[in-house]
């Protein structure tokens, strides 16, 4: 599957970046140091995968090291 483009309207709305280090920490106060897609409850890949599915971006993959404002700690 193709990776989500950071300029995709849904990606922009959620503040998605393909590298969590680039997250706008001033705008997204819920950013937690060390958070990224691979350790998000919504990530549909394995922890070792470089990319995986996310229900917020149907038909596309997100980068495992990415981040968005919907990040929720994996249980």
N, C-alpha and C. Protein backbone atom coordinates (compact mmCIF):
# COMPACT_ATOMS: atom_id res chain seq x y z
N UNK A 1 0.84 -1.19 0.00
CA UNK A 1 0.00 0.00 0.00
C UNK A 1 0.89 1.25 0.00
N UNK A 2 0.39 2.33 -0.58
CA UNK A 2 1.18 3.56 -0.57
C UNK A 2 1.20 4.19 0.81
N UNK A 3 2.25 4.93 1.07
CA UNK A 3 2.34 5.67 2.34
C UNK A 3 1.47 6.91 2.27
N UNK A 4 0.95 7.32 3.41
CA UNK A 4 0.17 8.55 3.50
C UNK A 4 1.07 9.73 3.16
N UNK A 5 0.57 10.62 2.35
CA UNK A 5 1.29 11.85 2.02
C UNK A 5 0.97 12.86 3.12
N UNK A 6 1.98 13.51 3.66
CA UNK A 6 1.77 14.49 4.73
C UNK A 6 0.87 15.65 4.28
N UNK A 7 0.70 15.81 2.96
CA UNK A 7 -0.16 16.88 2.44
C UNK A 7 -1.60 16.41 2.20
N UNK A 8 -1.86 15.13 2.46
CA UNK A 8 -3.21 14.58 2.35
C UNK A 8 -4.11 15.35 3.34
N UNK A 9 -5.34 15.71 2.94
CA UNK A 9 -6.21 16.48 3.84
C UNK A 9 -6.40 15.85 5.22
N UNK A 10 -6.57 14.53 5.28
CA UNK A 10 -6.72 13.85 6.58
C UNK A 10 -5.43 13.96 7.38
N UNK A 11 -4.30 13.81 6.72
CA UNK A 11 -3.00 13.91 7.39
C UNK A 11 -2.81 15.32 7.95
N UNK A 12 -3.16 16.32 7.17
CA UNK A 12 -3.05 17.71 7.64
C UNK A 12 -3.96 17.95 8.83
N UNK A 13 -5.17 17.44 8.77
CA UNK A 13 -6.12 17.64 9.87
C UNK A 13 -5.63 17.01 11.17
N UNK A 14 -4.90 15.90 11.06
CA UNK A 14 -4.41 15.20 12.24
C UNK A 14 -2.97 15.55 12.61
N UNK A 15 -2.34 16.41 11.83
CA UNK A 15 -0.96 16.78 12.11
C UNK A 15 0.02 15.65 11.86
N UNK A 16 -0.33 14.73 10.94
CA UNK A 16 0.54 13.58 10.66
C UNK A 16 1.88 14.01 10.07
N UNK A 17 2.93 13.42 10.58
CA UNK A 17 4.27 13.57 10.03
C UNK A 17 4.88 12.17 9.94
N UNK A 18 5.72 11.94 8.95
CA UNK A 18 6.32 10.62 8.78
C UNK A 18 7.47 10.37 9.74
N UNK A 19 7.89 11.39 10.46
CA UNK A 19 8.94 11.27 11.47
C UNK A 19 8.48 12.03 12.71
N UNK A 20 8.24 11.32 13.79
CA UNK A 20 7.71 11.92 15.01
C UNK A 20 8.55 13.09 15.51
N UNK A 21 9.84 13.09 15.20
CA UNK A 21 10.71 14.18 15.62
C UNK A 21 10.28 15.51 14.99
N UNK A 22 9.52 15.43 13.88
CA UNK A 22 9.08 16.63 13.18
C UNK A 22 7.69 17.10 13.64
N UNK A 23 7.08 16.43 14.60
CA UNK A 23 5.75 16.81 15.09
C UNK A 23 5.79 18.22 15.65
N UNK A 24 4.73 18.96 15.41
CA UNK A 24 4.60 20.34 15.91
C UNK A 24 4.19 20.28 17.38
N UNK A 25 5.19 20.24 18.25
CA UNK A 25 4.95 20.07 19.68
C UNK A 25 4.27 21.29 20.30
N UNK A 26 4.42 22.46 19.69
CA UNK A 26 3.75 23.66 20.20
C UNK A 26 2.26 23.60 19.88
N UNK A 27 1.92 23.11 18.70
CA UNK A 27 0.52 23.02 18.28
C UNK A 27 -0.20 21.84 18.92
N UNK A 28 0.51 20.70 19.03
CA UNK A 28 -0.09 19.48 19.56
C UNK A 28 0.45 19.20 20.96
N UNK A 29 -0.22 19.76 21.94
CA UNK A 29 0.21 19.62 23.33
C UNK A 29 0.12 18.19 23.83
N UNK A 30 -0.63 17.33 23.13
CA UNK A 30 -0.74 15.93 23.55
C UNK A 30 0.43 15.08 23.10
N UNK A 31 1.40 15.69 22.40
CA UNK A 31 2.58 14.93 21.98
C UNK A 31 3.33 14.45 23.22
N UNK A 32 3.70 13.17 23.20
CA UNK A 32 4.45 12.57 24.30
C UNK A 32 5.79 12.13 23.74
N UNK A 33 6.86 12.53 24.39
CA UNK A 33 8.19 12.12 23.94
C UNK A 33 8.24 10.60 23.82
N UNK A 34 8.78 10.11 22.72
CA UNK A 34 8.89 8.68 22.49
C UNK A 34 7.68 8.08 21.78
N UNK A 35 6.64 8.88 21.56
CA UNK A 35 5.46 8.36 20.86
C UNK A 35 5.70 8.36 19.36
N UNK A 36 5.19 7.32 18.70
CA UNK A 36 5.27 7.21 17.24
C UNK A 36 4.25 6.17 16.82
N UNK A 37 3.99 6.09 15.55
CA UNK A 37 2.93 5.20 15.06
C UNK A 37 3.11 3.74 15.51
N UNK A 38 4.32 3.24 15.52
CA UNK A 38 4.54 1.83 15.86
C UNK A 38 4.13 1.49 17.29
N UNK A 39 4.09 2.49 18.19
CA UNK A 39 3.65 2.20 19.56
C UNK A 39 2.28 2.81 19.85
N UNK A 40 1.51 3.04 18.78
CA UNK A 40 0.15 3.55 18.89
C UNK A 40 -0.84 2.39 18.85
N UNK A 41 -1.91 2.49 19.59
CA UNK A 41 -2.94 1.46 19.62
C UNK A 41 -3.61 1.27 18.25
N UNK A 42 -3.56 2.28 17.40
CA UNK A 42 -4.21 2.19 16.09
C UNK A 42 -3.33 1.53 15.01
N UNK A 43 -2.03 1.41 15.27
CA UNK A 43 -1.09 0.87 14.29
C UNK A 43 -1.40 -0.60 14.02
N UNK A 44 -1.55 -0.97 12.75
CA UNK A 44 -1.93 -2.32 12.38
C UNK A 44 -0.76 -3.14 11.82
N UNK A 45 0.42 -2.81 12.24
CA UNK A 45 1.59 -3.57 11.83
C UNK A 45 2.26 -4.15 13.07
N UNK A 46 3.36 -4.82 12.85
CA UNK A 46 4.16 -5.34 13.96
C UNK A 46 5.11 -4.23 14.43
N UNK A 47 5.54 -4.30 15.66
CA UNK A 47 6.45 -3.28 16.21
C UNK A 47 7.72 -3.16 15.38
N UNK A 48 8.14 -4.24 14.72
CA UNK A 48 9.37 -4.23 13.94
C UNK A 48 9.17 -3.75 12.49
N UNK A 49 7.92 -3.56 12.06
CA UNK A 49 7.64 -3.11 10.69
C UNK A 49 8.03 -1.65 10.50
N UNK A 50 8.45 -1.29 9.30
CA UNK A 50 8.79 0.10 9.00
C UNK A 50 7.56 0.91 8.63
N UNK A 51 6.47 0.22 8.30
CA UNK A 51 5.20 0.88 7.99
C UNK A 51 4.07 -0.10 8.25
N UNK A 52 2.87 0.44 8.36
CA UNK A 52 1.72 -0.42 8.60
C UNK A 52 0.43 0.34 8.41
N UNK A 53 -0.66 -0.37 8.46
CA UNK A 53 -1.96 0.24 8.28
C UNK A 53 -2.41 1.03 9.49
N UNK A 54 -3.37 1.91 9.25
CA UNK A 54 -3.99 2.69 10.32
C UNK A 54 -5.43 2.95 9.89
N UNK A 55 -6.41 2.69 10.75
CA UNK A 55 -7.80 2.90 10.36
C UNK A 55 -8.14 4.35 10.04
N UNK A 56 -7.30 5.28 10.44
CA UNK A 56 -7.54 6.69 10.13
C UNK A 56 -7.20 7.03 8.68
N UNK A 57 -6.41 6.17 8.04
CA UNK A 57 -5.98 6.38 6.66
C UNK A 57 -6.26 5.13 5.84
N UNK A 58 -7.53 4.84 5.54
CA UNK A 58 -7.87 3.62 4.80
C UNK A 58 -7.16 3.54 3.44
N UNK A 59 -6.65 2.35 3.14
CA UNK A 59 -5.99 2.12 1.86
C UNK A 59 -4.57 2.66 1.78
N UNK A 60 -4.05 3.14 2.91
CA UNK A 60 -2.69 3.69 2.93
C UNK A 60 -1.97 3.18 4.17
N UNK A 61 -0.68 3.26 4.13
CA UNK A 61 0.14 2.91 5.29
C UNK A 61 0.70 4.18 5.91
N UNK A 62 1.04 4.08 7.17
CA UNK A 62 1.74 5.16 7.87
C UNK A 62 3.14 4.68 8.19
N UNK A 63 4.07 5.59 8.32
CA UNK A 63 5.43 5.24 8.70
C UNK A 63 5.45 4.85 10.17
N UNK A 64 6.14 3.78 10.51
CA UNK A 64 6.22 3.33 11.90
C UNK A 64 6.79 4.42 12.80
N UNK A 65 7.70 5.22 12.26
CA UNK A 65 8.30 6.28 13.08
C UNK A 65 7.51 7.59 12.97
N UNK A 66 6.35 7.55 12.30
CA UNK A 66 5.51 8.73 12.16
C UNK A 66 4.73 9.05 13.43
N UNK A 67 3.89 10.06 13.34
CA UNK A 67 3.07 10.48 14.49
C UNK A 67 1.89 11.32 13.99
N UNK A 68 0.77 11.25 14.70
CA UNK A 68 -0.35 12.16 14.46
C UNK A 68 -1.04 12.43 15.79
N UNK A 69 -1.92 13.41 15.79
CA UNK A 69 -2.57 13.84 17.03
C UNK A 69 -3.54 12.82 17.60
N UNK A 70 -3.85 11.76 16.85
CA UNK A 70 -4.74 10.71 17.36
C UNK A 70 -3.95 9.62 18.09
N UNK A 71 -2.64 9.80 18.24
CA UNK A 71 -1.81 8.79 18.90
C UNK A 71 -2.41 8.41 20.26
N UNK A 72 -2.48 7.11 20.49
CA UNK A 72 -2.96 6.57 21.77
C UNK A 72 -2.01 5.43 22.15
N UNK A 73 -1.54 5.44 23.39
CA UNK A 73 -0.58 4.44 23.83
C UNK A 73 -1.13 3.03 23.67
N UNK A 74 -0.32 2.17 23.06
CA UNK A 74 -0.68 0.77 22.88
C UNK A 74 -0.68 0.09 24.25
N UNK A 75 -1.71 -0.67 24.51
CA UNK A 75 -1.82 -1.34 25.80
C UNK A 75 -0.82 -2.46 25.96
